[in-house]
C-alpha atoms as a PDB file:
ATOM      1  CA  UNK A   1     157.432 240.306  32.137  1.00  0.00           C
ATOM      2  CA  UNK A   2     155.023 241.961  29.747  1.00  0.00           C
ATOM      3  CA  UNK A   3     156.222 244.387  27.135  1.00  0.00           C
ATOM      4  CA  UNK A   4     156.002 247.940  28.409  1.00  0.00           C
ATOM      5  CA  UNK A   5     156.319 247.064  32.086  1.00  0.00           C
ATOM      6  CA  UNK A   6     159.316 247.405  34.330  1.00  0.00           C
ATOM      7  CA  UNK A   7     160.190 246.591  37.882  1.00  0.00           C
ATOM      8  CA  UNK A   8     160.912 249.078  40.623  1.00  0.00           C
ATOM      9  CA  UNK A   9     163.651 248.131  43.121  1.00  0.00           C
ATOM     10  CA  UNK A  10     161.859 249.759  46.058  1.00  0.00           C
ATOM     11  CA  UNK A  11     158.402 248.326  45.457  1.00  0.00           C
ATOM     12  CA  UNK A  12     158.958 245.085  43.531  1.00  0.00           C
ATOM     13  CA  UNK A  13     161.953 243.458  45.214  1.00  0.00           C
ATOM     14  CA  UNK A  14     160.858 241.113  47.986  1.00  0.00           C
ATOM     15  CA  UNK A  15     162.253 241.621  51.472  1.00  0.00           C
ATOM     16  CA  UNK A  16     162.928 237.905  51.798  1.00  0.00           C
ATOM     17  CA  UNK A  17     161.121 235.153  53.714  1.00  0.00           C
ATOM     18  CA  UNK A  18     163.144 235.643  56.922  1.00  0.00           C
ATOM     19  CA  UNK A  19     162.839 239.444  57.132  1.00  0.00           C
ATOM     20  CA  UNK A  20     163.758 241.352  59.163  1.00  0.00           C
ATOM     21  CA  UNK A  21     166.468 239.003  60.511  1.00  0.00           C
ATOM     22  CA  UNK A  22     167.733 238.249  56.999  1.00  0.00           C
ATOM     23  CA  UNK A  23     166.650 240.545  54.199  1.00  0.00           C
ATOM     24  CA  UNK A  24     167.427 241.898  50.780  1.00  0.00           C
ATOM     25  CA  UNK A  25     169.119 245.252  50.393  1.00  0.00           C
ATOM     26  CA  UNK A  26     169.655 247.307  47.259  1.00  0.00           C
ATOM     27  CA  UNK A  27     173.087 248.913  47.072  1.00  0.00           C
ATOM     28  CA  UNK A  28     173.077 252.418  45.639  1.00  0.00           C
ATOM     29  CA  UNK A  29     176.643 253.449  46.493  1.00  0.00           C
ATOM     30  CA  UNK A  30     179.656 251.134  46.466  1.00  0.00           C
ATOM     31  CA  UNK A  31     182.297 251.212  49.162  1.00  0.00           C
ATOM     32  CA  UNK A  32     185.031 253.680  48.244  1.00  0.00           C
ATOM     33  CA  UNK A  33     182.827 255.988  46.152  1.00  0.00           C
ATOM     34  CA  UNK A  34     182.584 259.785  46.359  1.00  0.00           C
ATOM     35  CA  UNK A  35     179.496 259.730  44.136  1.00  0.00           C
ATOM     36  CA  UNK A  36     176.178 260.050  45.999  1.00  0.00           C
ATOM     37  CA  UNK A  37     173.743 257.958  43.992  1.00  0.00           C
ATOM     38  CA  UNK A  38     170.128 257.929  45.056  1.00  0.00           C
ATOM     39  CA  UNK A  39     167.019 256.053  44.052  1.00  0.00           C
ATOM     40  CA  UNK A  40     164.667 258.237  42.035  1.00  0.00           C
ATOM     41  CA  UNK A  41     161.480 257.114  43.757  1.00  0.00           C
ATOM     42  CA  UNK A  42     159.212 257.979  40.844  1.00  0.00           C
ATOM     43  CA  UNK A  43     161.099 256.279  37.998  1.00  0.00           C
ATOM     44  CA  UNK A  44     162.927 253.567  39.941  1.00  0.00           C
ATOM     45  CA  UNK A  45     166.197 254.574  38.276  1.00  0.00           C
ATOM     46  CA  UNK A  46     169.462 255.469  39.944  1.00  0.00           C
ATOM     47  CA  UNK A  47     170.086 259.223  40.033  1.00  0.00           C
ATOM     48  CA  UNK A  48     173.503 260.861  40.469  1.00  0.00           C
ATOM     49  CA  UNK A  49     172.657 263.283  43.260  1.00  0.00           C
ATOM     50  CA  UNK A  50     176.108 264.806  43.669  1.00  0.00           C
ATOM     51  CA  UNK A  51     179.795 264.189  44.176  1.00  0.00           C
ATOM     52  CA  UNK A  52     180.646 264.525  47.855  1.00  0.00           C
ATOM     53  CA  UNK A  53     182.066 267.926  48.739  1.00  0.00           C
ATOM     54  CA  UNK A  54     184.403 266.567  51.406  1.00  0.00           C
ATOM     55  CA  UNK A  55     187.513 264.477  50.935  1.00  0.00           C
ATOM     56  CA  UNK A  56     185.798 261.301  52.136  1.00  0.00           C
ATOM     57  CA  UNK A  57     184.485 258.109  50.547  1.00  0.00           C
ATOM     58  CA  UNK A  58     181.730 255.746  51.616  1.00  0.00           C
ATOM     59  CA  UNK A  59     183.284 253.313  54.118  1.00  0.00           C
ATOM     60  CA  UNK A  60     180.980 250.429  53.133  1.00  0.00           C
ATOM     61  CA  UNK A  61     178.335 249.606  50.552  1.00  0.00           C
ATOM     62  CA  UNK A  62     175.315 251.825  51.159  1.00  0.00           C
ATOM     63  CA  UNK A  63     171.737 251.521  50.028  1.00  0.00           C
ATOM     64  CA  UNK A  64     168.204 250.848  51.139  1.00  0.00           C
ATOM     65  CA  UNK A  65     165.897 248.098  52.276  1.00  0.00           C
ATOM     66  CA  UNK A  66     163.038 247.556  49.815  1.00  0.00           C
ATOM     67  CA  UNK A  67     159.425 247.810  50.929  1.00  0.00           C
ATOM     68  CA  UNK A  68     160.278 250.008  53.894  1.00  0.00           C
ATOM     69  CA  UNK A  69     159.374 253.634  54.553  1.00  0.00           C
ATOM     70  CA  UNK A  70     160.655 256.084  57.133  1.00  0.00           C
ATOM     71  CA  UNK A  71     159.583 259.470  58.509  1.00  0.00           C
ATOM     72  CA  UNK A  72     162.197 261.148  56.251  1.00  0.00           C
ATOM     73  CA  UNK A  73     160.044 259.996  53.269  1.00  0.00           C
ATOM     74  CA  UNK A  74     162.647 257.495  52.034  1.00  0.00           C
ATOM     75  CA  UNK A  75     163.174 253.757  52.292  1.00  0.00           C
ATOM     76  CA  UNK A  76     165.203 252.648  55.318  1.00  0.00           C
ATOM     77  CA  UNK A  77     168.936 253.224  54.797  1.00  0.00           C
ATOM     78  CA  UNK A  78     171.413 250.392  55.240  1.00  0.00           C
ATOM     79  CA  UNK A  79     175.192 250.249  55.405  1.00  0.00           C
ATOM     80  CA  UNK A  80     176.347 246.741  54.476  1.00  0.00           C
ATOM     81  CA  UNK A  81     179.720 245.578  55.748  1.00  0.00           C
ATOM     82  CA  UNK A  82     181.495 243.184  53.406  1.00  0.00           C
ATOM     83  CA  UNK A  83     184.895 242.622  51.827  1.00  0.00           C
ATOM     84  CA  UNK A  84     184.244 244.084  48.370  1.00  0.00           C
ATOM     85  CA  UNK A  85     182.493 247.048  46.780  1.00  0.00           C
ATOM     86  CA  UNK A  86     179.527 246.065  44.610  1.00  0.00           C
ATOM     87  CA  UNK A  87     177.997 247.669  41.549  1.00  0.00           C
ATOM     88  CA  UNK A  88     175.243 250.233  42.108  1.00  0.00           C
ATOM     89  CA  UNK A  89     171.762 248.716  42.011  1.00  0.00           C
ATOM     90  CA  UNK A  90     172.975 245.250  42.934  1.00  0.00           C
ATOM     91  CA  UNK A  91     170.927 243.546  45.590  1.00  0.00           C
ATOM     92  CA  UNK A  92     172.190 241.171  48.226  1.00  0.00           C
ATOM     93  CA  UNK A  93     171.166 239.358  51.370  1.00  0.00           C
ATOM     94  CA  UNK A  94     172.151 240.996  54.626  1.00  0.00           C
ATOM     95  CA  UNK A  95     171.705 240.580  58.368  1.00  0.00           C
ATOM     96  CA  UNK A  96     171.023 243.680  60.467  1.00  0.00           C
ATOM     97  CA  UNK A  97     173.390 243.773  63.438  1.00  0.00           C
ATOM     98  CA  UNK A  98     172.755 247.278  64.709  1.00  0.00           C
ATOM     99  CA  UNK A  99     171.635 250.803  63.970  1.00  0.00           C
ATOM    100  CA  UNK A 100     173.356 254.166  63.968  1.00  0.00           C
ATOM    101  CA  UNK A 101     170.963 256.852  65.159  1.00  0.00           C
ATOM    102  CA  UNK A 102     171.416 260.022  63.156  1.00  0.00           C
ATOM    103  CA  UNK A 103     169.695 263.355  62.582  1.00  0.00           C
ATOM    104  CA  UNK A 104     170.244 264.877  59.137  1.00  0.00           C
ATOM    105  CA  UNK A 105     169.254 268.540  58.849  1.00  0.00           C
ATOM    106  CA  UNK A 106     166.761 268.188  61.665  1.00  0.00           C
ATOM    107  CA  UNK A 107     165.153 264.918  60.474  1.00  0.00           C
ATOM    108  CA  UNK A 108     165.664 261.496  62.022  1.00  0.00           C
ATOM    109  CA  UNK A 109     167.635 259.424  59.494  1.00  0.00           C
ATOM    110  CA  UNK A 110     168.721 256.175  61.152  1.00  0.00           C
ATOM    111  CA  UNK A 111     171.140 253.867  59.333  1.00  0.00           C
ATOM    112  CA  UNK A 112     170.820 250.123  59.733  1.00  0.00           C
ATOM    113  CA  UNK A 113     174.250 248.522  60.061  1.00  0.00           C
ATOM    114  CA  UNK A 114     174.231 245.083  58.462  1.00  0.00           C
ATOM    115  CA  UNK A 115     176.640 242.400  57.313  1.00  0.00           C
ATOM    116  CA  UNK A 116     176.500 240.622  53.979  1.00  0.00           C
ATOM    117  CA  UNK A 117     174.998 237.231  54.758  1.00  0.00           C
ATOM    118  CA  UNK A 118     177.107 235.500  52.096  1.00  0.00           C
ATOM    119  CA  UNK A 119     180.508 237.027  52.869  1.00  0.00           C
ATOM    120  CA  UNK A 120     182.618 234.575  54.897  1.00  0.00           C
ATOM    121  CA  UNK A 121     184.517 237.394  56.639  1.00  0.00           C
ATOM    122  CA  UNK A 122     181.415 239.174  57.937  1.00  0.00           C
ATOM    123  CA  UNK A 123     178.490 236.719  58.006  1.00  0.00           C
ATOM    124  CA  UNK A 124     179.187 235.438  61.519  1.00  0.00           C
ATOM    125  CA  UNK A 125     178.746 238.825  63.206  1.00  0.00           C
ATOM    126  CA  UNK A 126     175.386 238.938  64.962  1.00  0.00           C
ATOM    127  CA  UNK A 127     175.510 242.222  66.884  1.00  0.00           C
ATOM    128  CA  UNK A 128     177.229 245.555  66.404  1.00  0.00           C
ATOM    129  CA  UNK A 129     178.943 245.119  69.789  1.00  0.00           C
ATOM    130  CA  UNK A 130     181.113 242.418  68.186  1.00  0.00           C
ATOM    131  CA  UNK A 131     182.667 244.833  65.676  1.00  0.00           C
ATOM    132  CA  UNK A 132     186.021 246.451  66.365  1.00  0.00           C
ATOM    133  CA  UNK A 133     185.499 249.883  67.906  1.00  0.00           C
ATOM    134  CA  UNK A 134     187.731 251.413  65.239  1.00  0.00           C
ATOM    135  CA  UNK A 135     185.270 250.381  62.516  1.00  0.00           C
ATOM    136  CA  UNK A 136     182.452 252.143  64.364  1.00  0.00           C
ATOM    137  CA  UNK A 137     184.640 255.245  64.751  1.00  0.00           C
ATOM    138  CA  UNK A 138     185.272 255.251  60.981  1.00  0.00           C
ATOM    139  CA  UNK A 139     181.554 254.948  60.212  1.00  0.00           C
ATOM    140  CA  UNK A 140     180.676 257.707  62.688  1.00  0.00           C
ATOM    141  CA  UNK A 141     183.387 260.028  61.341  1.00  0.00           C
ATOM    142  CA  UNK A 142     182.256 259.535  57.741  1.00  0.00           C
ATOM    143  CA  UNK A 143     178.659 260.496  58.502  1.00  0.00           C
ATOM    144  CA  UNK A 144     179.720 263.404  60.721  1.00  0.00           C
ATOM    145  CA  UNK A 145     181.956 264.808  57.971  1.00  0.00           C
ATOM    146  CA  UNK A 146     180.416 263.946  54.598  1.00  0.00           C
ATOM    147  CA  UNK A 147     178.152 267.019  54.443  1.00  0.00           C
ATOM    148  CA  UNK A 148     180.320 269.520  56.350  1.00  0.00           C
ATOM    149  CA  UNK A 149     181.564 271.343  53.245  1.00  0.00           C
ATOM    150  CA  UNK A 150     177.951 271.723  52.105  1.00  0.00           C
ATOM    151  CA  UNK A 151     177.225 273.513  55.396  1.00  0.00           C
ATOM    152  CA  UNK A 152     174.578 270.915  56.287  1.00  0.00           C
ATOM    153  CA  UNK A 153     174.191 269.703  59.844  1.00  0.00           C
ATOM    154  CA  UNK A 154     174.403 266.000  60.613  1.00  0.00           C
ATOM    155  CA  UNK A 155     174.366 264.716  64.191  1.00  0.00           C
ATOM    156  CA  UNK A 156     175.378 261.123  64.813  1.00  0.00           C
ATOM    157  CA  UNK A 157     173.998 259.836  68.089  1.00  0.00           C
ATOM    158  CA  UNK A 158     174.325 256.302  69.421  1.00  0.00           C
ATOM    159  CA  UNK A 159     175.047 252.937  67.897  1.00  0.00           C
ATOM    160  CA  UNK A 160     172.463 250.455  69.141  1.00  0.00           C
ATOM    161  CA  UNK A 161     172.365 246.680  68.824  1.00  0.00           C
ATOM    162  CA  UNK A 162     170.588 244.098  66.736  1.00  0.00           C
ATOM    163  CA  UNK A 163     167.305 244.143  68.673  1.00  0.00           C
ATOM    164  CA  UNK A 164     166.873 247.872  68.077  1.00  0.00           C
ATOM    165  CA  UNK A 165     167.792 247.455  64.393  1.00  0.00           C
ATOM    166  CA  UNK A 166     165.131 244.770  63.993  1.00  0.00           C
ATOM    167  CA  UNK A 167     162.558 246.956  65.768  1.00  0.00           C
ATOM    168  CA  UNK A 168     163.284 249.922  63.498  1.00  0.00           C
ATOM    169  CA  UNK A 169     163.165 247.684  60.424  1.00  0.00           C
ATOM    170  CA  UNK A 170     159.799 246.223  61.473  1.00  0.00           C
ATOM    171  CA  UNK A 171     158.417 249.735  61.994  1.00  0.00           C
ATOM    172  CA  UNK A 172     159.642 250.798  58.527  1.00  0.00           C
ATOM    173  CA  UNK A 173     158.097 247.652  57.003  1.00  0.00           C
ATOM    174  CA  UNK A 174     154.764 248.397  58.711  1.00  0.00           C
ATOM    175  CA  UNK A 175     154.791 252.048  57.625  1.00  0.00           C
ATOM    176  CA  UNK A 176     155.469 250.983  54.035  1.00  0.00           C
ATOM    177  CA  UNK A 177     152.584 248.516  54.167  1.00  0.00           C
ATOM    178  CA  UNK A 178     150.233 251.156  55.608  1.00  0.00           C
ATOM    179  CA  UNK A 179     151.096 253.655  52.881  1.00  0.00           C
ATOM    180  CA  UNK A 180     151.665 251.524  49.785  1.00  0.00           C
ATOM    181  CA  UNK A 181     149.902 248.157  50.100  1.00  0.00           C
ATOM    182  CA  UNK A 182     146.131 248.090  49.542  1.00  0.00           C
ATOM    183  CA  UNK A 183     144.344 246.579  52.562  1.00  0.00           C
ATOM    184  CA  UNK A 184     142.865 243.752  50.522  1.00  0.00           C
ATOM    185  CA  UNK A 185     146.373 242.626  49.485  1.00  0.00           C
ATOM    186  CA  UNK A 186     147.922 242.518  52.955  1.00  0.00           C
ATOM    187  CA  UNK A 187     148.885 239.191  54.485  1.00  0.00           C
END
Protein backbone atom coordinates (compact mmCIF):
# COMPACT_ATOMS: atom_id res chain seq x y z
CA UNK A 1 0.00 0.00 0.00
CA UNK A 2 1.31 3.43 -0.88
CA UNK A 3 1.79 6.07 1.76
CA UNK A 4 -1.26 8.28 2.02
CA UNK A 5 -3.73 5.69 0.76
CA UNK A 6 -6.18 3.62 2.73
CA UNK A 7 -8.67 0.91 2.02
CA UNK A 8 -12.42 1.20 2.33
CA UNK A 9 -14.28 -1.87 3.64
CA UNK A 10 -17.30 -1.30 1.40
CA UNK A 11 -15.45 -0.68 -1.86
CA UNK A 12 -12.11 -2.47 -1.50
CA UNK A 13 -12.96 -5.78 0.17
CA UNK A 14 -13.64 -8.48 -2.42
CA UNK A 15 -16.92 -10.35 -2.29
CA UNK A 16 -15.12 -13.65 -2.75
CA UNK A 17 -14.77 -15.95 -5.77
CA UNK A 18 -17.92 -17.96 -4.98
CA UNK A 19 -20.26 -15.01 -4.36
CA UNK A 20 -23.13 -14.91 -3.77
CA UNK A 21 -23.25 -18.49 -2.43
CA UNK A 22 -20.20 -17.90 -0.23
CA UNK A 23 -19.14 -14.33 0.40
CA UNK A 24 -17.32 -11.95 2.67
CA UNK A 25 -19.23 -9.88 5.19
CA UNK A 26 -18.01 -7.00 7.33
CA UNK A 27 -19.32 -7.10 10.89
CA UNK A 28 -20.22 -3.70 12.29
CA UNK A 29 -22.05 -4.80 15.45
CA UNK A 30 -21.14 -7.82 17.57
CA UNK A 31 -23.73 -10.16 18.99
CA UNK A 32 -24.86 -8.95 22.41
CA UNK A 33 -24.20 -5.24 21.77
CA UNK A 34 -26.54 -2.32 22.46
CA UNK A 35 -24.27 0.00 20.47
CA UNK A 36 -25.44 0.72 16.91
CA UNK A 37 -22.24 1.09 14.91
CA UNK A 38 -22.52 2.05 11.28
CA UNK A 39 -20.15 2.38 8.37
CA UNK A 40 -19.46 6.02 7.54
CA UNK A 41 -19.69 5.64 3.78
CA UNK A 42 -17.53 8.66 3.01
CA UNK A 43 -14.56 7.94 5.29
CA UNK A 44 -14.80 4.16 5.53
CA UNK A 45 -14.56 4.38 9.32
CA UNK A 46 -16.91 2.91 11.88
CA UNK A 47 -19.27 5.50 13.38
CA UNK A 48 -21.09 5.13 16.71
CA UNK A 49 -24.60 6.00 15.57
CA UNK A 50 -26.34 5.54 18.91
CA UNK A 51 -26.95 3.29 21.87
CA UNK A 52 -30.21 1.41 21.40
CA UNK A 53 -33.11 3.02 23.23
CA UNK A 54 -34.81 -0.29 24.02
CA UNK A 55 -33.68 -2.96 26.44
CA UNK A 56 -32.53 -5.28 23.65
CA UNK A 57 -29.20 -6.43 22.23
CA UNK A 58 -28.25 -7.62 18.76
CA UNK A 59 -29.06 -11.35 18.63
CA UNK A 60 -26.24 -12.14 16.18
CA UNK A 61 -23.30 -10.43 14.52
CA UNK A 62 -24.62 -7.76 12.17
CA UNK A 63 -23.00 -5.96 9.28
CA UNK A 64 -22.95 -5.55 5.54
CA UNK A 65 -21.90 -7.26 2.36
CA UNK A 66 -19.19 -5.30 0.54
CA UNK A 67 -19.67 -4.15 -3.04
CA UNK A 68 -23.45 -4.24 -2.77
CA UNK A 69 -25.95 -1.40 -2.89
CA UNK A 70 -29.64 -1.29 -2.04
CA UNK A 71 -32.55 1.10 -2.62
CA UNK A 72 -32.12 2.40 0.96
CA UNK A 73 -28.75 3.85 -0.19
CA UNK A 74 -26.70 1.44 1.94
CA UNK A 75 -24.80 -1.78 1.36
CA UNK A 76 -26.88 -4.94 1.81
CA UNK A 77 -27.37 -5.80 5.50
CA UNK A 78 -26.44 -9.22 6.83
CA UNK A 79 -27.07 -10.98 10.12
CA UNK A 80 -24.46 -13.71 10.59
CA UNK A 81 -25.31 -16.62 12.86
CA UNK A 82 -22.31 -18.07 14.68
CA UNK A 83 -21.24 -19.15 18.15
CA UNK A 84 -19.24 -16.08 19.19
CA UNK A 85 -19.43 -12.30 18.95
CA UNK A 86 -16.68 -10.77 16.82
CA UNK A 87 -14.94 -7.42 16.96
CA UNK A 88 -16.46 -4.57 14.95
CA UNK A 89 -14.97 -4.25 11.47
CA UNK A 90 -13.87 -7.87 11.33
CA UNK A 91 -14.68 -9.62 8.10
CA UNK A 92 -15.59 -13.25 7.68
CA UNK A 93 -16.88 -15.74 5.16
CA UNK A 94 -20.58 -16.47 5.30
CA UNK A 95 -23.26 -18.41 3.44
CA UNK A 96 -26.64 -16.76 2.88
CA UNK A 97 -29.42 -19.11 3.95
CA UNK A 98 -32.38 -16.76 3.83
CA UNK A 99 -33.68 -13.22 4.00
CA UNK A 100 -35.90 -11.35 6.41
CA UNK A 101 -38.06 -8.86 4.52
CA UNK A 102 -38.38 -5.64 6.46
CA UNK A 103 -39.60 -2.08 5.98
CA UNK A 104 -37.83 0.54 8.10
CA UNK A 105 -39.58 3.91 8.26
CA UNK A 106 -41.25 3.31 4.92
CA UNK A 107 -38.14 2.03 3.07
CA UNK A 108 -37.46 -1.57 2.09
CA UNK A 109 -34.53 -2.76 4.23
CA UNK A 110 -34.12 -6.51 3.78
CA UNK A 111 -31.70 -8.41 6.01
CA UNK A 112 -29.78 -11.36 4.61
CA UNK A 113 -29.63 -14.17 7.16
CA UNK A 114 -26.35 -16.04 6.83
CA UNK A 115 -24.23 -18.55 8.72
CA UNK A 116 -20.51 -18.25 9.33
CA UNK A 117 -18.93 -20.61 6.83
CA UNK A 118 -16.11 -21.53 9.24
CA UNK A 119 -18.14 -22.14 12.40
CA UNK A 120 -18.65 -25.89 12.94
CA UNK A 121 -21.97 -25.35 14.74
CA UNK A 122 -23.57 -23.32 11.95
CA UNK A 123 -21.75 -24.03 8.67
CA UNK A 124 -23.91 -27.01 7.70
CA UNK A 125 -27.17 -25.03 7.57
CA UNK A 126 -28.12 -24.40 3.95
CA UNK A 127 -31.59 -22.85 4.22
CA UNK A 128 -33.41 -20.77 6.79
CA UNK A 129 -36.12 -23.45 7.00
CA UNK A 130 -33.60 -25.66 8.83
CA UNK A 131 -33.24 -23.22 11.74
CA UNK A 132 -35.24 -23.70 14.92
CA UNK A 133 -38.40 -21.59 14.78
CA UNK A 134 -37.50 -20.05 18.13
CA UNK A 135 -34.35 -18.50 16.64
CA UNK A 136 -36.43 -16.87 13.90
CA UNK A 137 -38.88 -15.57 16.52
CA UNK A 138 -35.97 -14.01 18.45
CA UNK A 139 -34.61 -12.33 15.31
CA UNK A 140 -38.07 -11.04 14.34
CA UNK A 141 -38.76 -9.72 17.86
CA UNK A 142 -35.43 -7.89 18.01
CA UNK A 143 -36.05 -6.02 14.75
CA UNK A 144 -39.68 -5.30 15.66
CA UNK A 145 -38.64 -3.81 19.01
CA UNK A 146 -35.21 -2.20 18.62
CA UNK A 147 -36.54 1.18 17.44
CA UNK A 148 -39.85 1.28 19.34
CA UNK A 149 -38.63 3.67 22.04
CA UNK A 150 -37.39 6.02 19.31
CA UNK A 151 -40.95 6.10 17.93
CA UNK A 152 -39.74 4.77 14.57
CA UNK A 153 -41.81 2.27 12.63
CA UNK A 154 -40.29 -1.04 11.59
CA UNK A 155 -42.39 -3.75 9.94
CA UNK A 156 -40.95 -7.23 9.70
CA UNK A 157 -42.60 -9.24 6.96
CA UNK A 158 -41.65 -12.74 5.86
CA UNK A 159 -38.58 -14.90 6.19
CA UNK A 160 -37.73 -16.34 2.79
CA UNK A 161 -35.26 -19.05 1.85
CA UNK A 162 -31.82 -19.29 0.34
CA UNK A 163 -32.89 -18.83 -3.29
CA UNK A 164 -34.52 -15.49 -2.50
CA UNK A 165 -31.48 -14.41 -0.46
CA UNK A 166 -29.19 -15.18 -3.40
CA UNK A 167 -31.49 -13.29 -5.78
CA UNK A 168 -31.52 -10.21 -3.55
CA UNK A 169 -27.74 -10.39 -3.13
CA UNK A 170 -27.21 -10.63 -6.90
CA UNK A 171 -29.47 -7.61 -7.43
CA UNK A 172 -27.51 -5.62 -4.81
CA UNK A 173 -24.22 -6.66 -6.45
CA UNK A 174 -25.51 -5.53 -9.87
CA UNK A 175 -26.78 -2.20 -8.51
CA UNK A 176 -23.40 -1.57 -6.89
CA UNK A 177 -21.62 -2.33 -10.16
CA UNK A 178 -23.96 -0.02 -12.11
CA UNK A 179 -23.37 2.87 -9.71
CA UNK A 180 -19.74 2.49 -8.63
CA UNK A 181 -17.76 0.47 -11.19
CA UNK A 182 -16.70 2.26 -14.39
CA UNK A 183 -17.96 0.37 -17.47
CA UNK A 184 -14.46 -0.21 -18.79
CA UNK A 185 -13.51 -2.03 -15.56
CA UNK A 186 -16.45 -4.43 -15.45
CA UNK A 187 -15.87 -8.14 -15.99
